[in-house]
N, C-alpha and C. Protein backbone atom coordinates (compact mmCIF):
# COMPACT_ATOMS: atom_id res chain seq x y z
N MET A 1 5.86 -1.78 -9.45
CA MET A 1 4.59 -2.39 -9.79
C MET A 1 4.14 -3.33 -8.66
N ILE A 2 2.85 -3.41 -8.50
CA ILE A 2 2.25 -4.35 -7.55
C ILE A 2 1.72 -5.52 -8.37
N ASN A 3 2.13 -6.71 -8.01
CA ASN A 3 1.71 -7.91 -8.73
C ASN A 3 0.72 -8.70 -7.88
N ILE A 4 -0.49 -8.91 -8.43
CA ILE A 4 -1.49 -9.74 -7.77
C ILE A 4 -1.96 -10.79 -8.76
N THR A 5 -2.63 -11.80 -8.25
CA THR A 5 -3.18 -12.84 -9.10
C THR A 5 -4.68 -12.91 -8.84
N ILE A 6 -5.44 -13.02 -9.92
CA ILE A 6 -6.89 -13.14 -9.84
C ILE A 6 -7.30 -14.51 -10.35
N GLU A 7 -8.09 -15.21 -9.56
CA GLU A 7 -8.66 -16.49 -9.98
C GLU A 7 -10.13 -16.26 -10.32
N ASP A 8 -10.52 -16.58 -11.54
CA ASP A 8 -11.91 -16.37 -11.94
C ASP A 8 -12.80 -17.52 -11.45
N ARG A 9 -14.07 -17.46 -11.78
CA ARG A 9 -15.03 -18.47 -11.33
C ARG A 9 -14.77 -19.85 -11.91
N ASN A 10 -13.99 -19.94 -12.98
CA ASN A 10 -13.64 -21.21 -13.60
C ASN A 10 -12.35 -21.80 -13.05
N GLY A 11 -11.73 -21.11 -12.12
CA GLY A 11 -10.49 -21.58 -11.52
C GLY A 11 -9.24 -21.18 -12.28
N GLU A 12 -9.40 -20.38 -13.33
CA GLU A 12 -8.25 -19.93 -14.10
C GLU A 12 -7.62 -18.71 -13.43
N GLN A 13 -6.30 -18.72 -13.32
CA GLN A 13 -5.59 -17.62 -12.68
C GLN A 13 -4.88 -16.76 -13.70
N GLN A 14 -4.87 -15.45 -13.42
CA GLN A 14 -4.18 -14.50 -14.28
C GLN A 14 -3.46 -13.49 -13.40
N ALA A 15 -2.20 -13.24 -13.72
CA ALA A 15 -1.42 -12.23 -13.01
C ALA A 15 -1.78 -10.84 -13.55
N ILE A 16 -1.84 -9.89 -12.65
CA ILE A 16 -2.11 -8.49 -13.02
C ILE A 16 -1.04 -7.62 -12.39
N GLU A 17 -0.48 -6.71 -13.19
CA GLU A 17 0.47 -5.72 -12.69
C GLU A 17 -0.25 -4.39 -12.56
N ILE A 18 -0.09 -3.75 -11.40
CA ILE A 18 -0.78 -2.50 -11.12
C ILE A 18 0.27 -1.48 -10.69
N PRO A 19 0.23 -0.26 -11.25
CA PRO A 19 1.19 0.76 -10.81
C PRO A 19 1.05 1.05 -9.31
N GLU A 20 2.17 1.25 -8.64
CA GLU A 20 2.17 1.47 -7.20
C GLU A 20 1.43 2.72 -6.77
N ASP A 21 1.46 3.76 -7.58
CA ASP A 21 0.88 5.04 -7.18
C ASP A 21 -0.59 5.21 -7.60
N ILE A 22 -1.24 4.12 -7.98
CA ILE A 22 -2.62 4.19 -8.43
C ILE A 22 -3.54 4.30 -7.21
N SER A 23 -4.58 5.06 -7.32
CA SER A 23 -5.51 5.24 -6.20
C SER A 23 -6.85 4.61 -6.56
N LEU A 24 -6.87 3.28 -6.61
CA LEU A 24 -8.08 2.55 -6.98
C LEU A 24 -8.35 1.44 -5.97
N SER A 25 -9.57 0.95 -6.00
CA SER A 25 -9.91 -0.23 -5.22
C SER A 25 -9.68 -1.47 -6.08
N LEU A 26 -9.65 -2.62 -5.44
CA LEU A 26 -9.54 -3.87 -6.19
C LEU A 26 -10.72 -4.03 -7.13
N MET A 27 -11.91 -3.62 -6.72
CA MET A 27 -13.09 -3.69 -7.57
C MET A 27 -12.87 -2.91 -8.87
N GLU A 28 -12.33 -1.71 -8.76
CA GLU A 28 -12.09 -0.88 -9.94
C GLU A 28 -11.06 -1.53 -10.86
N VAL A 29 -10.04 -2.15 -10.28
CA VAL A 29 -9.02 -2.84 -11.07
C VAL A 29 -9.66 -4.04 -11.78
N LEU A 30 -10.51 -4.79 -11.08
CA LEU A 30 -11.18 -5.94 -11.70
C LEU A 30 -12.05 -5.51 -12.87
N LYS A 31 -12.82 -4.46 -12.69
CA LYS A 31 -13.68 -3.98 -13.77
C LYS A 31 -12.85 -3.47 -14.94
N ALA A 32 -11.77 -2.75 -14.66
CA ALA A 32 -10.89 -2.24 -15.72
C ALA A 32 -10.19 -3.38 -16.46
N SER A 33 -10.00 -4.49 -15.76
CA SER A 33 -9.36 -5.67 -16.37
C SER A 33 -10.39 -6.59 -17.02
N GLU A 34 -11.61 -6.11 -17.12
CA GLU A 34 -12.72 -6.78 -17.80
C GLU A 34 -13.14 -8.09 -17.15
N TYR A 35 -13.01 -8.16 -15.81
CA TYR A 35 -13.59 -9.29 -15.09
C TYR A 35 -15.08 -9.06 -14.96
N ASN A 36 -15.84 -10.12 -15.04
CA ASN A 36 -17.29 -10.06 -15.06
C ASN A 36 -17.85 -10.03 -13.64
N ILE A 37 -17.87 -8.83 -13.03
CA ILE A 37 -18.47 -8.65 -11.72
C ILE A 37 -19.50 -7.53 -11.80
N LEU A 38 -20.55 -7.65 -11.01
CA LEU A 38 -21.60 -6.64 -11.04
C LEU A 38 -21.18 -5.32 -10.40
N ALA A 39 -20.72 -5.39 -9.15
CA ALA A 39 -20.37 -4.17 -8.41
C ALA A 39 -21.51 -3.15 -8.50
N THR A 40 -22.71 -3.62 -8.22
CA THR A 40 -23.93 -2.84 -8.40
C THR A 40 -23.91 -1.50 -7.67
N CYS A 41 -23.41 -1.48 -6.44
CA CYS A 41 -23.48 -0.25 -5.64
C CYS A 41 -22.35 0.73 -5.96
N GLY A 42 -21.42 0.34 -6.81
CA GLY A 42 -20.35 1.23 -7.22
C GLY A 42 -19.27 1.46 -6.18
N GLY A 43 -19.17 0.57 -5.21
CA GLY A 43 -18.08 0.68 -4.24
C GLY A 43 -18.47 1.19 -2.88
N MET A 44 -19.76 1.15 -2.57
CA MET A 44 -20.24 1.68 -1.29
C MET A 44 -20.41 0.61 -0.21
N ALA A 45 -20.02 -0.63 -0.48
CA ALA A 45 -20.18 -1.75 0.46
C ALA A 45 -21.64 -2.00 0.79
N LEU A 46 -22.51 -1.86 -0.22
CA LEU A 46 -23.94 -2.02 0.00
C LEU A 46 -24.56 -3.22 -0.71
N CYS A 47 -23.80 -3.94 -1.53
CA CYS A 47 -24.44 -5.00 -2.31
C CYS A 47 -23.73 -6.35 -2.26
N ALA A 48 -22.46 -6.40 -1.97
CA ALA A 48 -21.65 -7.62 -1.89
C ALA A 48 -21.50 -8.34 -3.22
N THR A 49 -21.79 -7.69 -4.33
CA THR A 49 -21.61 -8.34 -5.64
C THR A 49 -20.16 -8.34 -6.10
N CYS A 50 -19.26 -7.76 -5.31
CA CYS A 50 -17.83 -7.79 -5.63
C CYS A 50 -17.08 -8.66 -4.62
N HIS A 51 -17.78 -9.61 -4.03
CA HIS A 51 -17.21 -10.52 -3.03
C HIS A 51 -16.02 -11.27 -3.62
N VAL A 52 -14.91 -11.26 -2.90
CA VAL A 52 -13.72 -12.03 -3.27
C VAL A 52 -13.26 -12.83 -2.06
N GLN A 53 -12.57 -13.91 -2.35
CA GLN A 53 -11.93 -14.72 -1.33
C GLN A 53 -10.44 -14.44 -1.43
N VAL A 54 -9.80 -14.15 -0.31
CA VAL A 54 -8.37 -13.86 -0.30
C VAL A 54 -7.63 -15.18 -0.08
N LEU A 55 -7.08 -15.73 -1.16
CA LEU A 55 -6.38 -17.01 -1.09
C LEU A 55 -4.98 -16.87 -0.52
N GLU A 56 -4.34 -15.74 -0.80
CA GLU A 56 -3.01 -15.43 -0.25
C GLU A 56 -2.93 -13.93 -0.01
N GLY A 57 -2.32 -13.54 1.11
CA GLY A 57 -2.10 -12.13 1.38
C GLY A 57 -3.11 -11.49 2.32
N LEU A 58 -3.91 -12.27 3.00
CA LEU A 58 -4.92 -11.72 3.90
C LEU A 58 -4.29 -10.83 4.98
N ASP A 59 -3.11 -11.21 5.44
CA ASP A 59 -2.44 -10.44 6.49
C ASP A 59 -1.96 -9.07 6.02
N GLY A 60 -1.91 -8.84 4.70
CA GLY A 60 -1.50 -7.55 4.16
C GLY A 60 -2.63 -6.55 4.02
N LEU A 61 -3.86 -6.98 4.31
CA LEU A 61 -5.03 -6.11 4.18
C LEU A 61 -5.36 -5.41 5.49
N LEU A 62 -5.89 -4.22 5.38
CA LEU A 62 -6.42 -3.56 6.56
C LEU A 62 -7.66 -4.34 7.00
N PRO A 63 -7.99 -4.32 8.29
CA PRO A 63 -9.18 -5.04 8.75
C PRO A 63 -10.45 -4.48 8.09
N ALA A 64 -11.42 -5.36 7.89
CA ALA A 64 -12.71 -4.95 7.31
C ALA A 64 -13.43 -4.03 8.29
N GLY A 65 -14.09 -3.02 7.74
CA GLY A 65 -14.88 -2.09 8.55
C GLY A 65 -16.24 -2.69 8.87
N ASP A 66 -16.98 -1.99 9.71
CA ASP A 66 -18.30 -2.46 10.13
C ASP A 66 -19.26 -2.66 8.96
N GLU A 67 -19.28 -1.71 8.02
CA GLU A 67 -20.20 -1.81 6.87
C GLU A 67 -19.87 -3.04 6.03
N GLU A 68 -18.58 -3.26 5.81
CA GLU A 68 -18.17 -4.42 5.02
C GLU A 68 -18.53 -5.72 5.76
N MET A 69 -18.28 -5.78 7.05
CA MET A 69 -18.60 -6.97 7.82
C MET A 69 -20.10 -7.24 7.81
N ASP A 70 -20.91 -6.18 7.90
CA ASP A 70 -22.37 -6.35 7.84
C ASP A 70 -22.80 -6.97 6.52
N MET A 71 -22.20 -6.52 5.41
CA MET A 71 -22.56 -7.09 4.10
C MET A 71 -22.08 -8.53 3.98
N LEU A 72 -20.89 -8.81 4.43
CA LEU A 72 -20.36 -10.18 4.36
C LEU A 72 -21.22 -11.13 5.17
N ASP A 73 -21.78 -10.65 6.27
CA ASP A 73 -22.65 -11.49 7.11
C ASP A 73 -23.92 -11.92 6.38
N THR A 74 -24.28 -11.24 5.31
CA THR A 74 -25.49 -11.60 4.56
C THR A 74 -25.23 -12.70 3.53
N LEU A 75 -23.98 -13.06 3.31
CA LEU A 75 -23.62 -14.04 2.28
C LEU A 75 -23.53 -15.43 2.87
N HIS A 76 -24.17 -16.39 2.23
CA HIS A 76 -24.14 -17.77 2.72
C HIS A 76 -22.78 -18.44 2.52
N ASP A 77 -21.99 -17.94 1.56
CA ASP A 77 -20.71 -18.58 1.25
C ASP A 77 -19.50 -17.77 1.72
N ALA A 78 -19.73 -16.78 2.59
CA ALA A 78 -18.62 -15.97 3.09
C ALA A 78 -17.85 -16.74 4.17
N GLY A 79 -16.54 -16.59 4.15
CA GLY A 79 -15.68 -17.22 5.14
C GLY A 79 -14.78 -16.21 5.80
N PHE A 80 -13.88 -16.69 6.62
CA PHE A 80 -12.94 -15.80 7.33
C PHE A 80 -12.07 -15.01 6.36
N ASP A 81 -11.89 -15.55 5.15
CA ASP A 81 -11.02 -14.93 4.15
C ASP A 81 -11.81 -14.17 3.08
N SER A 82 -13.08 -13.90 3.35
CA SER A 82 -13.92 -13.15 2.41
C SER A 82 -13.76 -11.65 2.62
N ARG A 83 -13.77 -10.92 1.52
CA ARG A 83 -13.73 -9.46 1.56
C ARG A 83 -14.55 -8.94 0.40
N LEU A 84 -14.88 -7.65 0.44
CA LEU A 84 -15.50 -6.96 -0.68
C LEU A 84 -14.39 -6.23 -1.43
N ALA A 85 -14.30 -6.50 -2.72
CA ALA A 85 -13.22 -5.90 -3.53
C ALA A 85 -13.29 -4.38 -3.52
N CYS A 86 -14.49 -3.83 -3.36
CA CYS A 86 -14.62 -2.37 -3.35
C CYS A 86 -14.00 -1.74 -2.11
N GLN A 87 -13.77 -2.52 -1.08
CA GLN A 87 -13.22 -2.00 0.17
C GLN A 87 -11.72 -2.27 0.32
N ILE A 88 -11.12 -2.90 -0.68
CA ILE A 88 -9.69 -3.17 -0.66
C ILE A 88 -8.99 -2.14 -1.54
N ARG A 89 -8.21 -1.28 -0.91
CA ARG A 89 -7.46 -0.27 -1.65
C ARG A 89 -6.16 -0.89 -2.15
N ILE A 90 -5.80 -0.56 -3.39
CA ILE A 90 -4.54 -1.05 -3.95
C ILE A 90 -3.39 -0.37 -3.21
N HIS A 91 -2.50 -1.19 -2.70
CA HIS A 91 -1.38 -0.72 -1.89
C HIS A 91 -0.25 -1.74 -2.04
N GLU A 92 0.98 -1.31 -1.82
CA GLU A 92 2.12 -2.22 -2.01
C GLU A 92 2.05 -3.45 -1.09
N ASN A 93 1.30 -3.38 -0.01
CA ASN A 93 1.14 -4.55 0.86
C ASN A 93 0.40 -5.69 0.17
N LEU A 94 -0.26 -5.40 -0.95
CA LEU A 94 -0.98 -6.43 -1.70
C LEU A 94 -0.08 -7.22 -2.64
N ASN A 95 1.18 -6.80 -2.77
CA ASN A 95 2.07 -7.48 -3.70
C ASN A 95 2.13 -8.98 -3.38
N GLY A 96 1.85 -9.80 -4.37
CA GLY A 96 1.85 -11.25 -4.21
C GLY A 96 0.53 -11.84 -3.76
N ALA A 97 -0.47 -11.01 -3.50
CA ALA A 97 -1.78 -11.50 -3.05
C ALA A 97 -2.50 -12.24 -4.17
N VAL A 98 -3.36 -13.18 -3.78
CA VAL A 98 -4.18 -13.94 -4.72
C VAL A 98 -5.63 -13.81 -4.27
N PHE A 99 -6.49 -13.38 -5.20
CA PHE A 99 -7.91 -13.19 -4.94
C PHE A 99 -8.74 -14.06 -5.86
N LYS A 100 -9.77 -14.69 -5.30
CA LYS A 100 -10.70 -15.49 -6.10
C LYS A 100 -12.03 -14.75 -6.17
N ILE A 101 -12.54 -14.54 -7.37
CA ILE A 101 -13.81 -13.84 -7.56
C ILE A 101 -14.95 -14.76 -7.11
N ARG A 102 -15.79 -14.26 -6.23
CA ARG A 102 -16.94 -15.02 -5.73
C ARG A 102 -18.27 -14.32 -5.99
N GLY A 103 -18.25 -13.00 -6.21
CA GLY A 103 -19.46 -12.21 -6.34
C GLY A 103 -20.26 -12.52 -7.59
N ASP A 104 -21.42 -11.90 -7.67
CA ASP A 104 -22.35 -12.11 -8.78
C ASP A 104 -21.77 -11.64 -10.11
N GLU A 105 -22.18 -12.33 -11.17
CA GLU A 105 -21.77 -11.97 -12.53
C GLU A 105 -22.73 -10.97 -13.13
N GLN A 106 -22.24 -10.26 -14.13
CA GLN A 106 -23.09 -9.33 -14.87
C GLN A 106 -24.08 -10.08 -15.72
């Protein structure tokens, strides 16, 4: 199992266990776990409504692609540790990572 922690907009943290062989993005896991995120574009890196801050585990992520970087550049509150959850694939390198939800609510 891959263990990650999600911090919601209220600062509350919850651990989530994800099967290692799952082929989903972090956005899909968040929606399946009933976190209140819009994810308007459905994972195409076109809306930034699934913006997350990587509090721990940034070094375990693949670098952001050009499309993701372009969207992050449109956000006033994006930082060096900002990513789009739709562009983060669940992988064992995420074990122990902590993500804070920053994107728009439904």
